[in-house]
Amino acid sequence: MALIEVNDSNFNEQINNGVKLVDFWATWCGPCKMIAPVLEDLAADYDGKADILKLDVDQNQATAAKYEVMSIPTLIVFKDGEPVDKVVGFQPKENLAQVLDKHL
């Protein structure tokens, strides 16, 4: 499964059910670019179990503000629409897999 781009208008609908890992990122962010291939691998590994979503904080400031995203990349795990976990900064694939596995 590919990464799913989300925005302010479709965010709530996208996170509403199941487990979702949302990457709050920006085009100018170096660590965001570093974590992108890690997230693509996770999307393939977790196909059918969890979705990996990306939200550009510059273009979707309302959602970023709602979840108090101050640093990027910030990765928030949502389960059935509720935030259940959060990590900030670049993370290796193994760390993100552990965070996701806790909520599956």
PDB file of N, CA and C in Angstrom:
ATOM      1  N   MET A   1       0.854  -1.199   0.000  1.00  0.00           N
ATOM      2  CA  MET A   1       0.000   0.000   0.000  1.00  0.00           C
ATOM      3  C   MET A   1       0.879   1.234   0.000  1.00  0.00           C
ATOM      4  N   ALA A   2       0.499   2.213  -0.755  1.00  0.00           N
ATOM      5  CA  ALA A   2       1.255   3.459  -0.833  1.00  0.00           C
ATOM      6  C   ALA A   2       0.903   4.364   0.347  1.00  0.00           C
ATOM      7  N   LEU A   3       1.738   5.356   0.550  1.00  0.00           N
ATOM      8  CA  LEU A   3       1.439   6.364   1.553  1.00  0.00           C
ATOM      9  C   LEU A   3       0.215   7.149   1.099  1.00  0.00           C
ATOM     10  N   ILE A   4      -0.604   7.572   2.055  1.00  0.00           N
ATOM     11  CA  ILE A   4      -1.837   8.285   1.749  1.00  0.00           C
ATOM     12  C   ILE A   4      -1.666   9.744   2.163  1.00  0.00           C
ATOM     13  N   GLU A   5      -1.792  10.645   1.193  1.00  0.00           N
ATOM     14  CA  GLU A   5      -1.729  12.083   1.487  1.00  0.00           C
ATOM     15  C   GLU A   5      -3.074  12.518   2.063  1.00  0.00           C
ATOM     16  N   VAL A   6      -3.046  13.240   3.170  1.00  0.00           N
ATOM     17  CA  VAL A   6      -4.279  13.751   3.775  1.00  0.00           C
ATOM     18  C   VAL A   6      -4.155  15.263   3.947  1.00  0.00           C
ATOM     19  N   ASN A   7      -5.303  15.913   4.182  1.00  0.00           N
ATOM     20  CA  ASN A   7      -5.313  17.358   4.377  1.00  0.00           C
ATOM     21  C   ASN A   7      -6.346  17.718   5.438  1.00  0.00           C
ATOM     22  N   ASP A   8      -6.439  19.012   5.738  1.00  0.00           N
ATOM     23  CA  ASP A   8      -7.377  19.462   6.771  1.00  0.00           C
ATOM     24  C   ASP A   8      -8.800  18.977   6.507  1.00  0.00           C
ATOM     25  N   SER A   9      -9.221  18.972   5.249  1.00  0.00           N
ATOM     26  CA  SER A   9     -10.625  18.667   4.961  1.00  0.00           C
ATOM     27  C   SER A   9     -10.962  17.177   5.045  1.00  0.00           C
ATOM     28  N   ASN A  10      -9.990  16.294   4.784  1.00  0.00           N
ATOM     29  CA  ASN A  10     -10.331  14.859   4.830  1.00  0.00           C
ATOM     30  C   ASN A  10      -9.665  14.118   5.999  1.00  0.00           C
ATOM     31  N   PHE A  11      -8.965  14.825   6.863  1.00  0.00           N
ATOM     32  CA  PHE A  11      -8.188  14.186   7.921  1.00  0.00           C
ATOM     33  C   PHE A  11      -9.045  13.314   8.840  1.00  0.00           C
ATOM     34  N   ASN A  12     -10.109  13.889   9.403  1.00  0.00           N
ATOM     35  CA  ASN A  12     -10.932  13.133  10.360  1.00  0.00           C
ATOM     36  C   ASN A  12     -11.540  11.886   9.734  1.00  0.00           C
ATOM     37  N   GLU A  13     -11.967  12.005   8.496  1.00  0.00           N
ATOM     38  CA  GLU A  13     -12.530  10.853   7.790  1.00  0.00           C
ATOM     39  C   GLU A  13     -11.469   9.761   7.612  1.00  0.00           C
ATOM     40  N   GLN A  14     -10.245  10.156   7.310  1.00  0.00           N
ATOM     41  CA  GLN A  14      -9.165   9.195   7.052  1.00  0.00           C
ATOM     42  C   GLN A  14      -8.721   8.445   8.306  1.00  0.00           C
ATOM     43  N   ILE A  15      -8.746   9.111   9.469  1.00  0.00           N
ATOM     44  CA  ILE A  15      -8.261   8.459  10.704  1.00  0.00           C
ATOM     45  C   ILE A  15      -9.377   7.775  11.482  1.00  0.00           C
ATOM     46  N   ASN A  16     -10.599   7.856  10.973  1.00  0.00           N
ATOM     47  CA  ASN A  16     -11.771   7.455  11.735  1.00  0.00           C
ATOM     48  C   ASN A  16     -11.787   6.007  12.211  1.00  0.00           C
ATOM     49  N   ASN A  17     -11.289   5.065  11.413  1.00  0.00           N
ATOM     50  CA  ASN A  17     -11.313   3.694  11.929  1.00  0.00           C
ATOM     51  C   ASN A  17     -10.032   2.959  11.589  1.00  0.00           C
ATOM     52  N   GLY A  18      -9.671   2.059  12.484  1.00  0.00           N
ATOM     53  CA  GLY A  18      -8.436   1.301  12.331  1.00  0.00           C
ATOM     54  C   GLY A  18      -7.240   2.042  12.898  1.00  0.00           C
ATOM     55  N   VAL A  19      -6.064   1.481  12.647  1.00  0.00           N
ATOM     56  CA  VAL A  19      -4.809   2.054  13.134  1.00  0.00           C
ATOM     57  C   VAL A  19      -4.162   2.825  11.991  1.00  0.00           C
ATOM     58  N   LYS A  20      -3.808   4.078  12.275  1.00  0.00           N
ATOM     59  CA  LYS A  20      -3.180   4.953  11.286  1.00  0.00           C
ATOM     60  C   LYS A  20      -1.948   5.604  11.913  1.00  0.00           C
ATOM     61  N   LEU A  21      -0.863   5.607  11.174  1.00  0.00           N
ATOM     62  CA  LEU A  21       0.330   6.356  11.580  1.00  0.00           C
ATOM     63  C   LEU A  21       0.380   7.585  10.686  1.00  0.00           C
ATOM     64  N   VAL A  22       0.286   8.774  11.289  1.00  0.00           N
ATOM     65  CA  VAL A  22       0.270  10.015  10.514  1.00  0.00           C
ATOM     66  C   VAL A  22       1.615  10.715  10.674  1.00  0.00           C
ATOM     67  N   ASP A  23       2.242  10.984   9.530  1.00  0.00           N
ATOM     68  CA  ASP A  23       3.500  11.718   9.463  1.00  0.00           C
ATOM     69  C   ASP A  23       3.178  13.190   9.216  1.00  0.00           C
ATOM     70  N   PHE A  24       3.421  14.029  10.224  1.00  0.00           N
ATOM     71  CA  PHE A  24       3.286  15.474  10.068  1.00  0.00           C
ATOM     72  C   PHE A  24       4.641  15.977   9.583  1.00  0.00           C
ATOM     73  N   TRP A  25       4.700  16.526   8.358  1.00  0.00           N
ATOM     74  CA  TRP A  25       5.963  16.824   7.709  1.00  0.00           C
ATOM     75  C   TRP A  25       5.872  18.132   6.914  1.00  0.00           C
ATOM     76  N   ALA A  26       7.003  18.549   6.344  1.00  0.00           N
ATOM     77  CA  ALA A  26       7.045  19.708   5.437  1.00  0.00           C
ATOM     78  C   ALA A  26       8.110  19.453   4.373  1.00  0.00           C
ATOM     79  N   THR A  27       7.953  20.080   3.222  1.00  0.00           N
ATOM     80  CA  THR A  27       8.862  19.846   2.094  1.00  0.00           C
ATOM     81  C   THR A  27      10.289  20.302   2.392  1.00  0.00           C
ATOM     82  N   TRP A  28      10.462  21.308   3.232  1.00  0.00           N
ATOM     83  CA  TRP A  28      11.786  21.873   3.522  1.00  0.00           C
ATOM     84  C   TRP A  28      12.513  21.152   4.662  1.00  0.00           C
ATOM     85  N   CYS A  29      11.902  20.162   5.251  1.00  0.00           N
ATOM     86  CA  CYS A  29      12.425  19.510   6.458  1.00  0.00           C
ATOM     87  C   CYS A  29      13.353  18.344   6.099  1.00  0.00           C
ATOM     88  N   GLY A  30      14.628  18.460   6.461  1.00  0.00           N
ATOM     89  CA  GLY A  30      15.610  17.411   6.177  1.00  0.00           C
ATOM     90  C   GLY A  30      15.268  16.061   6.791  1.00  0.00           C
ATOM     91  N   PRO A  31      15.016  16.013   8.122  1.00  0.00           N
ATOM     92  CA  PRO A  31      14.660  14.727   8.739  1.00  0.00           C
ATOM     93  C   PRO A  31      13.381  14.120   8.150  1.00  0.00           C
ATOM     94  N   CYS A  32      12.469  14.965   7.665  1.00  0.00           N
ATOM     95  CA  CYS A  32      11.245  14.462   7.025  1.00  0.00           C
ATOM     96  C   CYS A  32      11.594  13.711   5.743  1.00  0.00           C
ATOM     97  N   LYS A  33      12.564  14.242   5.000  1.00  0.00           N
ATOM     98  CA  LYS A  33      12.998  13.578   3.770  1.00  0.00           C
ATOM     99  C   LYS A  33      13.703  12.257   4.102  1.00  0.00           C
ATOM    100  N   MET A  34      14.447  12.236   5.207  1.00  0.00           N
ATOM    101  CA  MET A  34      15.145  11.012   5.609  1.00  0.00           C
ATOM    102  C   MET A  34      14.176   9.902   6.010  1.00  0.00           C
ATOM    103  N   ILE A  35      13.071  10.278   6.641  1.00  0.00           N
ATOM    104  CA  ILE A  35      12.142   9.260   7.143  1.00  0.00           C
ATOM    105  C   ILE A  35      11.172   8.775   6.067  1.00  0.00           C
ATOM    106  N   ALA A  36      11.067   9.496   4.954  1.00  0.00           N
ATOM    107  CA  ALA A  36      10.108   9.124   3.899  1.00  0.00           C
ATOM    108  C   ALA A  36      10.285   7.688   3.408  1.00  0.00           C
ATOM    109  N   PRO A  37      11.519   7.223   3.072  1.00  0.00           N
ATOM    110  CA  PRO A  37      11.643   5.831   2.611  1.00  0.00           C
ATOM    111  C   PRO A  37      11.314   4.815   3.710  1.00  0.00           C
ATOM    112  N   VAL A  38      11.567   5.170   4.965  1.00  0.00           N
ATOM    113  CA  VAL A  38      11.221   4.295   6.093  1.00  0.00           C
ATOM    114  C   VAL A  38       9.703   4.113   6.134  1.00  0.00           C
ATOM    115  N   LEU A  39       8.986   5.202   5.947  1.00  0.00           N
ATOM    116  CA  LEU A  39       7.520   5.142   5.982  1.00  0.00           C
ATOM    117  C   LEU A  39       6.965   4.366   4.792  1.00  0.00           C
ATOM    118  N   GLU A  40       7.622   4.484   3.641  1.00  0.00           N
ATOM    119  CA  GLU A  40       7.185   3.702   2.481  1.00  0.00           C
ATOM    120  C   GLU A  40       7.351   2.210   2.741  1.00  0.00           C
ATOM    121  N   ASP A  41       8.461   1.823   3.375  1.00  0.00           N
ATOM    122  CA  ASP A  41       8.670   0.413   3.752  1.00  0.00           C
ATOM    123  C   ASP A  41       7.597  -0.053   4.732  1.00  0.00           C
ATOM    124  N   LEU A  42       7.309   0.790   5.737  1.00  0.00           N
ATOM    125  CA  LEU A  42       6.287   0.434   6.725  1.00  0.00           C
ATOM    126  C   LEU A  42       4.925   0.267   6.055  1.00  0.00           C
ATOM    127  N   ALA A  43       4.607   1.146   5.114  1.00  0.00           N
ATOM    128  CA  ALA A  43       3.317   1.057   4.427  1.00  0.00           C
ATOM    129  C   ALA A  43       3.178  -0.297   3.742  1.00  0.00           C
ATOM    130  N   ALA A  44       4.264  -0.773   3.139  1.00  0.00           N
ATOM    131  CA  ALA A  44       4.230  -2.086   2.491  1.00  0.00           C
ATOM    132  C   ALA A  44       4.114  -3.196   3.530  1.00  0.00           C
ATOM    133  N   ASP A  45       4.899  -3.105   4.607  1.00  0.00           N
ATOM    134  CA  ASP A  45       4.904  -4.140   5.642  1.00  0.00           C
ATOM    135  C   ASP A  45       3.567  -4.253   6.373  1.00  0.00           C
ATOM    136  N   TYR A  46       2.880  -3.130   6.545  1.00  0.00           N
ATOM    137  CA  TYR A  46       1.653  -3.109   7.342  1.00  0.00           C
ATOM    138  C   TYR A  46       0.397  -3.041   6.485  1.00  0.00           C
ATOM    139  N   ASP A  47       0.536  -3.308   5.198  1.00  0.00           N
ATOM    140  CA  ASP A  47      -0.622  -3.298   4.296  1.00  0.00           C
ATOM    141  C   ASP A  47      -1.689  -4.247   4.829  1.00  0.00           C
ATOM    142  N   GLY A  48      -2.892  -3.723   5.007  1.00  0.00           N
ATOM    143  CA  GLY A  48      -3.989  -4.531   5.526  1.00  0.00           C
ATOM    144  C   GLY A  48      -4.088  -4.504   7.041  1.00  0.00           C
ATOM    145  N   LYS A  49      -3.044  -3.996   7.728  1.00  0.00           N
ATOM    146  CA  LYS A  49      -3.065  -3.929   9.192  1.00  0.00           C
ATOM    147  C   LYS A  49      -3.147  -2.502   9.704  1.00  0.00           C
ATOM    148  N   ALA A  50      -2.416  -1.599   9.036  1.00  0.00           N
ATOM    149  CA  ALA A  50      -2.392  -0.188   9.432  1.00  0.00           C
ATOM    150  C   ALA A  50      -2.082   0.637   8.190  1.00  0.00           C
ATOM    151  N   ASP A  51      -2.548   1.883   8.179  1.00  0.00           N
ATOM    152  CA  ASP A  51      -2.269   2.792   7.070  1.00  0.00           C
ATOM    153  C   ASP A  51      -1.262   3.843   7.508  1.00  0.00           C
ATOM    154  N   ILE A  52      -0.418   4.260   6.568  1.00  0.00           N
ATOM    155  CA  ILE A  52       0.553   5.321   6.819  1.00  0.00           C
ATOM    156  C   ILE A  52       0.083   6.541   6.042  1.00  0.00           C
ATOM    157  N   LEU A  53      -0.178   7.629   6.763  1.00  0.00           N
ATOM    158  CA  LEU A  53      -0.686   8.854   6.171  1.00  0.00           C
ATOM    159  C   LEU A  53       0.343   9.967   6.307  1.00  0.00           C
ATOM    160  N   LYS A  54       0.325  10.912   5.366  1.00  0.00           N
ATOM    161  CA  LYS A  54       1.220  12.065   5.412  1.00  0.00           C
ATOM    162  C   LYS A  54       0.395  13.345   5.362  1.00  0.00           C
ATOM    163  N   LEU A  55       0.734  14.296   6.256  1.00  0.00           N
ATOM    164  CA  LEU A  55       0.056  15.580   6.285  1.00  0.00           C
ATOM    165  C   LEU A  55       1.102  16.690   6.247  1.00  0.00           C
ATOM    166  N   ASP A  56       1.067  17.510   5.206  1.00  0.00           N
ATOM    167  CA  ASP A  56       1.990  18.635   5.057  1.00  0.00           C
ATOM    168  C   ASP A  56       1.538  19.748   6.008  1.00  0.00           C
ATOM    169  N   VAL A  57       2.364  20.051   7.019  1.00  0.00           N
ATOM    170  CA  VAL A  57       1.965  21.015   8.054  1.00  0.00           C
ATOM    171  C   VAL A  57       1.866  22.438   7.524  1.00  0.00           C
ATOM    172  N   ASP A  58       2.629  22.769   6.483  1.00  0.00           N
ATOM    173  CA  ASP A  58       2.563  24.121   5.926  1.00  0.00           C
ATOM    174  C   ASP A  58       1.228  24.381   5.228  1.00  0.00           C
ATOM    175  N   GLN A  59       0.683  23.363   4.597  1.00  0.00           N
ATOM    176  CA  GLN A  59      -0.568  23.524   3.859  1.00  0.00           C
ATOM    177  C   GLN A  59      -1.804  23.142   4.673  1.00  0.00           C
ATOM    178  N   ASN A  60      -1.585  22.557   5.850  1.00  0.00           N
ATOM    179  CA  ASN A  60      -2.702  22.076   6.678  1.00  0.00           C
ATOM    180  C   ASN A  60      -2.463  22.459   8.138  1.00  0.00           C
ATOM    181  N   GLN A  61      -2.385  23.753   8.367  1.00  0.00           N
ATOM    182  CA  GLN A  61      -2.012  24.244   9.688  1.00  0.00           C
ATOM    183  C   GLN A  61      -3.064  23.984  10.764  1.00  0.00           C
ATOM    184  N   ALA A  62      -4.316  23.911  10.391  1.00  0.00           N
ATOM    185  CA  ALA A  62      -5.369  23.697  11.386  1.00  0.00           C
ATOM    186  C   ALA A  62      -5.211  22.336  12.065  1.00  0.00           C
ATOM    187  N   THR A  63      -4.976  21.296  11.279  1.00  0.00           N
ATOM    188  CA  THR A  63      -4.817  19.949  11.848  1.00  0.00           C
ATOM    189  C   THR A  63      -3.532  19.865  12.659  1.00  0.00           C
ATOM    190  N   ALA A  64      -2.451  20.431  12.147  1.00  0.00           N
ATOM    191  CA  ALA A  64      -1.181  20.432  12.892  1.00  0.00           C
ATOM    192  C   ALA A  64      -1.348  21.133  14.234  1.00  0.00           C
ATOM    193  N   ALA A  65      -2.053  22.252  14.253  1.00  0.00           N
ATOM    194  CA  ALA A  65      -2.278  22.985  15.504  1.00  0.00           C
ATOM    195  C   ALA A  65      -3.160  22.186  16.463  1.00  0.00           C
ATOM    196  N   LYS A  66      -4.186  21.528  15.930  1.00  0.00           N
ATOM    197  CA  LYS A  66      -5.104  20.743  16.764  1.00  0.00           C
ATOM    198  C   LYS A  66      -4.356  19.681  17.563  1.00  0.00           C
ATOM    199  N   TYR A  67      -3.343  19.064  16.931  1.00  0.00           N
ATOM    200  CA  TYR A  67      -2.598  17.997  17.601  1.00  0.00           C
ATOM    201  C   TYR A  67      -1.262  18.489  18.171  1.00  0.00           C
ATOM    202  N   GLU A  68      -1.138  19.825  18.284  1.00  0.00           N
ATOM    203  CA  GLU A  68       0.009  20.468  18.937  1.00  0.00           C
ATOM    204  C   GLU A  68       1.339  20.010  18.368  1.00  0.00           C
ATOM    205  N   VAL A  69       1.417  19.962  17.036  1.00  0.00           N
ATOM    206  CA  VAL A  69       2.654  19.598  16.370  1.00  0.00           C
ATOM    207  C   VAL A  69       3.560  20.827  16.355  1.00  0.00           C
ATOM    208  N   MET A  70       4.658  20.760  17.122  1.00  0.00           N
ATOM    209  CA  MET A  70       5.588  21.886  17.234  1.00  0.00           C
ATOM    210  C   MET A  70       6.886  21.621  16.481  1.00  0.00           C
ATOM    211  N   SER A  71       7.273  20.368  16.368  1.00  0.00           N
ATOM    212  CA  SER A  71       8.502  19.967  15.675  1.00  0.00           C
ATOM    213  C   SER A  71       8.124  18.929  14.629  1.00  0.00           C
ATOM    214  N   ILE A  72       8.891  18.902  13.553  1.00  0.00           N
ATOM    215  CA  ILE A  72       8.630  17.889  12.539  1.00  0.00           C
ATOM    216  C   ILE A  72       9.926  17.160  12.203  1.00  0.00           C
ATOM    217  N   PRO A  73       9.873  15.903  11.811  1.00  0.00           N
ATOM    218  CA  PRO A  73       8.628  15.145  11.697  1.00  0.00           C
ATOM    219  C   PRO A  73       8.064  14.750  13.055  1.00  0.00           C
ATOM    220  N   THR A  74       6.763  14.853  13.188  1.00  0.00           N
ATOM    221  CA  THR A  74       6.032  14.290  14.317  1.00  0.00           C
ATOM    222  C   THR A  74       5.164  13.180  13.749  1.00  0.00           C
ATOM    223  N   LEU A  75       5.213  12.023  14.388  1.00  0.00           N
ATOM    224  CA  LEU A  75       4.420  10.873  13.947  1.00  0.00           C
ATOM    225  C   LEU A  75       3.448  10.514  15.060  1.00  0.00           C
ATOM    226  N   ILE A  76       2.169  10.554  14.733  1.00  0.00           N
ATOM    227  CA  ILE A  76       1.134  10.246  15.718  1.00  0.00           C
ATOM    228  C   ILE A  76       0.367   9.021  15.251  1.00  0.00           C
ATOM    229  N   VAL A  77       0.216   8.064  16.168  1.00  0.00           N
ATOM    230  CA  VAL A  77      -0.586   6.872  15.886  1.00  0.00           C
ATOM    231  C   VAL A  77      -2.010   7.142  16.371  1.00  0.00           C
ATOM    232  N   PHE A  78      -2.960   6.935  15.470  1.00  0.00           N
ATOM    233  CA  PHE A  78      -4.380   7.065  15.797  1.00  0.00           C
ATOM    234  C   PHE A  78      -5.011   5.683  15.738  1.00  0.00           C
ATOM    235  N   LYS A  79      -5.886   5.425  16.706  1.00  0.00           N
ATOM    236  CA  LYS A  79      -6.660   4.180  16.684  1.00  0.00           C
ATOM    237  C   LYS A  79      -8.126   4.570  16.771  1.00  0.00           C
ATOM    238  N   ASP A  80      -8.874   4.234  15.727  1.00  0.00           N
ATOM    239  CA  ASP A  80     -10.299   4.572  15.645  1.00  0.00           C
ATOM    240  C   ASP A  80     -10.546   6.052  15.931  1.00  0.00           C
ATOM    241  N   GLY A  81      -9.696   6.903  15.361  1.00  0.00           N
ATOM    242  CA  GLY A  81      -9.882   8.342  15.444  1.00  0.00           C
ATOM    243  C   GLY A  81      -9.253   9.031  16.634  1.00  0.00           C
ATOM    244  N   GLU A  82      -8.720   8.270  17.580  1.00  0.00           N
ATOM    245  CA  GLU A  82      -8.128   8.860  18.783  1.00  0.00           C
ATOM    246  C   GLU A  82      -6.607   8.715  18.760  1.00  0.00           C
ATOM    247  N   PRO A  83      -5.872   9.794  19.117  1.00  0.00           N
ATOM    248  CA  PRO A  83      -4.412   9.671  19.187  1.00  0.00           C
ATOM    249  C   PRO A  83      -4.009   8.774  20.361  1.00  0.00           C
ATOM    250  N   VAL A  84      -3.162   7.773  20.098  1.00  0.00           N
ATOM    251  CA  VAL A  84      -2.768   6.834  21.145  1.00  0.00           C
ATOM    252  C   VAL A  84      -1.258   6.791  21.374  1.00  0.00           C
ATOM    253  N   ASP A  85      -0.481   7.394  20.469  1.00  0.00           N
ATOM    254  CA  ASP A  85       0.977   7.382  20.626  1.00  0.00           C
ATOM    255  C   ASP A  85       1.563   8.490  19.773  1.00  0.00           C
ATOM    256  N   LYS A  86       2.765   8.953  20.164  1.00  0.00           N
ATOM    257  CA  LYS A  86       3.392  10.058  19.441  1.00  0.00           C
ATOM    258  C   LYS A  86       4.906   9.944  19.564  1.00  0.00           C
ATOM    259  N   VAL A  87       5.602  10.114  18.441  1.00  0.00           N
ATOM    260  CA  VAL A  87       7.061  10.185  18.449  1.00  0.00           C
ATOM    261  C   VAL A  87       7.472  11.395  17.612  1.00  0.00           C
ATOM    262  N   VAL A  88       8.562  12.026  18.031  1.00  0.00           N
ATOM    263  CA  VAL A  88       9.038  13.230  17.350  1.00  0.00           C
ATOM    264  C   VAL A  88      10.453  12.993  16.858  1.00  0.00           C
ATOM    265  N   GLY A  89      10.710  13.403  15.615  1.00  0.00           N
ATOM    266  CA  GLY A  89      12.048  13.276  15.050  1.00  0.00           C
ATOM    267  C   GLY A  89      12.207  11.989  14.262  1.00  0.00           C
ATOM    268  N   PHE A  90      13.332  11.908  13.573  1.00  0.00           N
ATOM    269  CA  PHE A  90      13.623  10.720  12.777  1.00  0.00           C
ATOM    270  C   PHE A  90      13.658   9.486  13.672  1.00  0.00           C
ATOM    271  N   GLN A  91      13.057   8.404  13.206  1.00  0.00           N
ATOM    272  CA  GLN A  91      13.058   7.131  13.923  1.00  0.00           C
ATOM    273  C   GLN A  91      13.411   6.028  12.933  1.00  0.00           C
ATOM    274  N   PRO A  92      14.224   5.056  13.367  1.00  0.00           N
ATOM    275  CA  PRO A  92      14.461   3.907  12.489  1.00  0.00           C
ATOM    276  C   PRO A  92      13.185   3.069  12.357  1.00  0.00           C
ATOM    277  N   LYS A  93      13.145   2.294  11.298  1.00  0.00           N
ATOM    278  CA  LYS A  93      11.971   1.470  10.991  1.00  0.00           C
ATOM    279  C   LYS A  93      11.575   0.581  12.172  1.00  0.00           C
ATOM    280  N   GLU A  94      12.560  -0.011  12.836  1.00  0.00           N
ATOM    281  CA  GLU A  94      12.268  -0.928  13.946  1.00  0.00           C
ATOM    282  C   GLU A  94      11.502  -0.214  15.060  1.00  0.00           C
ATOM    283  N   ASN A  95      11.889   1.026  15.367  1.00  0.00           N
ATOM    284  CA  ASN A  95      11.203   1.777  16.431  1.00  0.00           C
ATOM    285  C   ASN A  95       9.754   2.058  16.054  1.00  0.00           C
ATOM    286  N   LEU A  96       9.540   2.469  14.817  1.00  0.00           N
ATOM    287  CA  LEU A  96       8.185   2.760  14.370  1.00  0.00           C
ATOM    288  C   LEU A  96       7.335   1.495  14.319  1.00  0.00           C
ATOM    289  N   ALA A  97       7.935   0.387  13.936  1.00  0.00           N
ATOM    290  CA  ALA A  97       7.209  -0.892  13.912  1.00  0.00           C
ATOM    291  C   ALA A  97       6.765  -1.270  15.332  1.00  0.00           C
ATOM    292  N   GLN A  98       7.645  -1.067  16.318  1.00  0.00           N
ATOM    293  CA  GLN A  98       7.288  -1.367  17.711  1.00  0.00           C
ATOM    294  C   GLN A  98       6.122  -0.496  18.177  1.00  0.00           C
ATOM    295  N   VAL A  99       6.157   0.779  17.826  1.00  0.00           N
ATOM    296  CA  VAL A  99       5.088   1.689  18.214  1.00  0.00           C
ATOM    297  C   VAL A  99       3.772   1.238  17.573  1.00  0.00           C
ATOM    298  N   LEU A 100       3.806   0.898  16.296  1.00  0.00           N
ATOM    299  CA  LEU A 100       2.581   0.442  15.618  1.00  0.00           C
ATOM    300  C   LEU A 100       2.084  -0.873  16.210  1.00  0.00           C
ATOM    301  N   ASP A 101       2.992  -1.798  16.450  1.00  0.00           N
ATOM    302  CA  ASP A 101       2.595  -3.124  16.950  1.00  0.00           C
ATOM    303  C   ASP A 101       1.850  -3.043  18.280  1.00  0.00           C
ATOM    304  N   LYS A 102       2.183  -2.062  19.104  1.00  0.00           N
ATOM    305  CA  LYS A 102       1.509  -1.899  20.389  1.00  0.00           C
ATOM    306  C   LYS A 102       0.015  -1.663  20.241  1.00  0.00           C
ATOM    307  N   HIS A 103      -0.392  -1.136  19.087  1.00  0.00           N
ATOM    308  CA  HIS A 103      -1.783  -0.701  18.926  1.00  0.00           C
ATOM    309  C   HIS A 103      -2.580  -1.546  17.928  1.00  0.00           C
ATOM    310  N   LEU A 104      -1.977  -2.601  17.422  1.00  0.00           N
ATOM    311  CA  LEU A 104      -2.687  -3.468  16.480  1.00  0.00           C
ATOM    312  C   LEU A 104      -3.493  -4.526  17.219  1.00  0.00           C
TER     313      LEU A 104
END
